[in-house]
C-alpha atoms as a PDB file:
ATOM      1  CA  MET A   1       2.238  -2.857  20.145  1.00  0.00           C
ATOM      2  CA  THR A   2       5.987  -1.704  19.877  1.00  0.00           C
ATOM      3  CA  THR A   3       7.684   0.374  18.588  1.00  0.00           C
ATOM      4  CA  GLU A   4       9.726  -2.270  16.480  1.00  0.00           C
ATOM      5  CA  ILE A   5       6.313  -3.826  14.879  1.00  0.00           C
ATOM      6  CA  LEU A   6       4.492  -0.537  14.234  1.00  0.00           C
ATOM      7  CA  TYR A   7       6.736   0.053  12.151  1.00  0.00           C
ATOM      8  CA  LEU A   8       6.409  -3.467  10.119  1.00  0.00           C
ATOM      9  CA  THR A   9       2.655  -2.706  10.059  1.00  0.00           C
ATOM     10  CA  LEU A  10       4.078   0.606   7.988  1.00  0.00           C
ATOM     11  CA  THR A  11       6.241  -1.191   6.246  1.00  0.00           C
ATOM     12  CA  ALA A  12       3.275  -3.758   5.233  1.00  0.00           C
ATOM     13  CA  LEU A  13       0.991  -0.679   4.386  1.00  0.00           C
ATOM     14  CA  LEU A  14       3.879   0.954   2.294  1.00  0.00           C
ATOM     15  CA  ALA A  15       4.920  -2.274   0.255  1.00  0.00           C
ATOM     16  CA  GLY A  16       0.599  -2.809   0.560  1.00  0.00           C
ATOM     17  CA  SER A  17      -0.429   0.106  -1.473  1.00  0.00           C
ATOM     18  CA  LEU A  18       3.166   0.662  -4.330  1.00  0.00           C
ATOM     19  CA  TRP A  19       1.246  -1.609  -6.506  1.00  0.00           C
ATOM     20  CA  ILE A  20      -0.664   1.991  -6.715  1.00  0.00           C
ATOM     21  CA  PRO A  21       1.365   4.392  -8.343  1.00  0.00           C
ATOM     22  CA  TYR A  22       1.945   0.721 -11.044  1.00  0.00           C
ATOM     23  CA  ILE A  23      -1.226   0.351 -11.627  1.00  0.00           C
ATOM     24  CA  VAL A  24      -2.294   4.267 -11.987  1.00  0.00           C
ATOM     25  CA  GLY A  25       0.037   4.419 -14.764  1.00  0.00           C
ATOM     26  CA  VAL A  26       0.098   1.388 -16.946  1.00  0.00           C
ATOM     27  CA  ASN A  27      -4.418   2.696 -17.216  1.00  0.00           C
ATOM     28  CA  ALA A  28      -3.030   5.479 -17.812  1.00  0.00           C
ATOM     29  CA  THR A  29      -1.132   4.700 -20.726  1.00  0.00           C
ATOM     30  CA  PRO A  30      -2.836   3.941 -24.117  1.00  0.00           C
ATOM     31  CA  ALA A  31      -1.548   0.818 -25.511  1.00  0.00           C
ATOM     32  CA  LYS A  32      -3.470  -1.686 -28.198  1.00  0.00           C
ATOM     33  CA  GLU A  33      -2.879  -4.852 -25.693  1.00  0.00           C
ATOM     34  CA  LEU A  34      -3.847  -3.514 -22.831  1.00  0.00           C
ATOM     35  CA  ALA A  35      -7.387  -4.176 -24.323  1.00  0.00           C
ATOM     36  CA  ASP A  36      -7.278  -7.312 -24.182  1.00  0.00           C
ATOM     37  CA  PHE A  37      -6.101  -8.823 -20.615  1.00  0.00           C
ATOM     38  CA  HIS A  38      -4.775 -11.863 -21.568  1.00  0.00           C
ATOM     39  CA  ARG A  39      -1.517 -10.642 -20.465  1.00  0.00           C
ATOM     40  CA  PRO A  40       0.188  -7.855 -18.494  1.00  0.00           C
ATOM     41  CA  PRO A  41       1.459  -4.549 -20.701  1.00  0.00           C
ATOM     42  CA  ASP A  42       4.717  -5.061 -22.162  1.00  0.00           C
ATOM     43  CA  ILE A  43       7.193  -2.883 -19.367  1.00  0.00           C
ATOM     44  CA  ARG A  44       8.726  -1.430 -22.104  1.00  0.00           C
ATOM     45  CA  GLN A  45       5.429   0.276 -23.873  1.00  0.00           C
ATOM     46  CA  MET A  46       5.103   2.398 -20.136  1.00  0.00           C
ATOM     47  CA  PRO A  47       6.762   6.075 -19.584  1.00  0.00           C
ATOM     48  CA  ALA A  48       9.724   5.775 -17.513  1.00  0.00           C
ATOM     49  CA  TRP A  49       8.617   6.521 -14.162  1.00  0.00           C
ATOM     50  CA  VAL A  50       5.675   3.209 -14.683  1.00  0.00           C
ATOM     51  CA  HIS A  51       7.912   1.190 -14.865  1.00  0.00           C
ATOM     52  CA  ARG A  52      10.021   2.714 -11.651  1.00  0.00           C
ATOM     53  CA  ALA A  53       6.860   2.515  -9.464  1.00  0.00           C
ATOM     54  CA  TYR A  54       6.938  -1.344 -10.464  1.00  0.00           C
ATOM     55  CA  ARG A  55      10.871  -2.029  -9.948  1.00  0.00           C
ATOM     56  CA  ALA A  56       9.341  -0.156  -6.639  1.00  0.00           C
ATOM     57  CA  HIS A  57       7.208  -2.060  -5.470  1.00  0.00           C
ATOM     58  CA  GLN A  58       9.195  -4.752  -6.380  1.00  0.00           C
ATOM     59  CA  ASN A  59      12.653  -3.551  -5.107  1.00  0.00           C
ATOM     60  CA  LEU A  60      10.434  -3.292  -1.603  1.00  0.00           C
ATOM     61  CA  LEU A  61       8.452  -6.729  -0.844  1.00  0.00           C
ATOM     62  CA  GLU A  62      12.428  -8.500  -1.833  1.00  0.00           C
ATOM     63  CA  GLN A  63      13.500  -6.166   1.377  1.00  0.00           C
ATOM     64  CA  LEU A  64       9.830  -6.588   3.497  1.00  0.00           C
ATOM     65  CA  MET A  65      10.198 -10.808   3.866  1.00  0.00           C
ATOM     66  CA  PRO A  66      13.903 -10.664   6.123  1.00  0.00           C
ATOM     67  CA  PHE A  67      12.927  -7.838   7.694  1.00  0.00           C
ATOM     68  CA  ALA A  68       9.273  -8.566   9.126  1.00  0.00           C
ATOM     69  CA  VAL A  69      11.007 -12.278  10.033  1.00  0.00           C
ATOM     70  CA  VAL A  70      14.167 -11.032  11.997  1.00  0.00           C
ATOM     71  CA  LEU A  71      11.760  -8.403  13.885  1.00  0.00           C
ATOM     72  CA  LEU A  72       8.884 -11.103  14.349  1.00  0.00           C
ATOM     73  CA  VAL A  73      12.437 -12.676  15.548  1.00  0.00           C
ATOM     74  CA  ALA A  74      12.810 -10.196  18.091  1.00  0.00           C
ATOM     75  CA  HIS A  75       9.692  -9.884  18.985  1.00  0.00           C
ATOM     76  CA  VAL A  76       8.529 -13.617  20.175  1.00  0.00           C
ATOM     77  CA  LEU A  77      11.915 -13.492  21.968  1.00  0.00           C
ATOM     78  CA  GLY A  78      10.783 -10.136  23.377  1.00  0.00           C
ATOM     79  CA  ILE A  79      13.847  -8.373  22.477  1.00  0.00           C
ATOM     80  CA  SER A  80      13.595  -4.090  21.670  1.00  0.00           C
ATOM     81  CA  THR A  81      16.949  -2.553  21.655  1.00  0.00           C
ATOM     82  CA  VAL A  82      17.469   0.909  21.400  1.00  0.00           C
ATOM     83  CA  TRP A  83      19.242  -0.352  18.397  1.00  0.00           C
ATOM     84  CA  THR A  84      15.889  -2.711  16.572  1.00  0.00           C
ATOM     85  CA  VAL A  85      13.964   0.823  16.807  1.00  0.00           C
ATOM     86  CA  GLY A  86      16.002   2.501  16.178  1.00  0.00           C
ATOM     87  CA  ALA A  87      16.852   0.386  13.374  1.00  0.00           C
ATOM     88  CA  ALA A  88      12.743  -0.113  12.057  1.00  0.00           C
ATOM     89  CA  MET A  89      12.352   3.507  11.716  1.00  0.00           C
ATOM     90  CA  ALA A  90      15.316   4.056  10.039  1.00  0.00           C
ATOM     91  CA  PHE A  91      14.716   0.819   7.467  1.00  0.00           C
ATOM     92  CA  PHE A  92      10.132   2.500   6.641  1.00  0.00           C
ATOM     93  CA  TRP A  93      12.205   5.977   6.221  1.00  0.00           C
ATOM     94  CA  LEU A  94      13.703   4.723   3.725  1.00  0.00           C
ATOM     95  CA  ARG A  95      11.832   3.018   2.440  1.00  0.00           C
ATOM     96  CA  VAL A  96       9.521   6.195   1.600  1.00  0.00           C
ATOM     97  CA  ALA A  97      12.490   8.053   0.737  1.00  0.00           C
ATOM     98  CA  HIS A  98      13.501   4.999  -2.361  1.00  0.00           C
ATOM     99  CA  ALA A  99       9.991   4.313  -3.568  1.00  0.00           C
ATOM    100  CA  VAL A 100       9.779   7.992  -4.194  1.00  0.00           C
ATOM    101  CA  GLY A 101      13.329   8.737  -4.643  1.00  0.00           C
ATOM    102  CA  MET A 102      12.310   6.255  -7.624  1.00  0.00           C
ATOM    103  CA  ILE A 103       9.364   6.745  -9.157  1.00  0.00           C
ATOM    104  CA  SER A 104       9.963  10.438  -8.987  1.00  0.00           C
ATOM    105  CA  GLY A 105      13.413   9.519 -11.166  1.00  0.00           C
ATOM    106  CA  MET A 106      15.250  12.081  -8.818  1.00  0.00           C
ATOM    107  CA  ALA A 107      16.645   8.895  -6.607  1.00  0.00           C
ATOM    108  CA  GLY A 108      19.315   7.424  -9.745  1.00  0.00           C
ATOM    109  CA  PHE A 109      23.159   5.825  -9.385  1.00  0.00           C
ATOM    110  CA  PRO A 110      24.030   6.288  -6.630  1.00  0.00           C
ATOM    111  CA  VAL A 111      21.500   7.336  -4.356  1.00  0.00           C
ATOM    112  CA  ARG A 112      19.111   4.356  -4.305  1.00  0.00           C
ATOM    113  CA  PRO A 113      22.229   1.134  -3.764  1.00  0.00           C
ATOM    114  CA  ILE A 114      23.011   3.635  -0.717  1.00  0.00           C
ATOM    115  CA  ILE A 115      19.392   3.421   0.491  1.00  0.00           C
ATOM    116  CA  PHE A 116      18.885  -0.492  -0.508  1.00  0.00           C
ATOM    117  CA  THR A 117      22.747  -0.826   1.476  1.00  0.00           C
ATOM    118  CA  ALA A 118      21.128   0.894   4.227  1.00  0.00           C
ATOM    119  CA  GLY A 119      18.099  -1.579   4.950  1.00  0.00           C
ATOM    120  CA  TRP A 120      19.813  -4.366   4.530  1.00  0.00           C
ATOM    121  CA  VAL A 121      22.412  -2.169   7.686  1.00  0.00           C
ATOM    122  CA  CYS A 122      18.743  -2.143   8.949  1.00  0.00           C
ATOM    123  CA  ILE A 123      18.270  -5.357   9.021  1.00  0.00           C
ATOM    124  CA  VAL A 124      20.951  -7.095  10.008  1.00  0.00           C
ATOM    125  CA  ILE A 125      21.426  -4.543  12.883  1.00  0.00           C
ATOM    126  CA  VAL A 126      18.144  -6.265  14.492  1.00  0.00           C
ATOM    127  CA  ALA A 127      19.469  -9.825  13.745  1.00  0.00           C
ATOM    128  CA  VAL A 128      22.810  -9.031  15.039  1.00  0.00           C
ATOM    129  CA  GLN A 129      20.274  -7.412  18.755  1.00  0.00           C
ATOM    130  CA  VAL A 130      18.217 -11.144  18.348  1.00  0.00           C
ATOM    131  CA  PHE A 131      22.375 -13.076  18.009  1.00  0.00           C
ATOM    132  CA  LEU A 132      23.784 -11.193  21.189  1.00  0.00           C
ATOM    133  CA  THR A 133      20.724 -11.352  23.111  1.00  0.00           C
ATOM    134  CA  ALA A 134      18.957 -14.937  22.677  1.00  0.00           C
END
């Protein structure tokens, strides 16, 4: 397993687990409309951290798909450089920092947009390596 695929797998596990804080928050918040399960709970009625947990999960899903595609294209083409390894590692740790910072509320403006943009730069770095090497 290449380092890039390892970090892609770790990122997928993170994305697959970020629903847990949201569900814990929803279930820890008493709300009348949750009793019948007819519709999702009104996020505006939840504590702020629950809403942030939901957004942290959605935000990671927004970046995971392009990250996975460029990394898998690089992998299929046999492209593995110091740039692709560094970008894969950085992307994962940026996404961990983003999730922790967002859910805890410690990473407000401008920290969260900077982390998101840095993740996008990681995606672009891998894509550039694909175009330059393929």
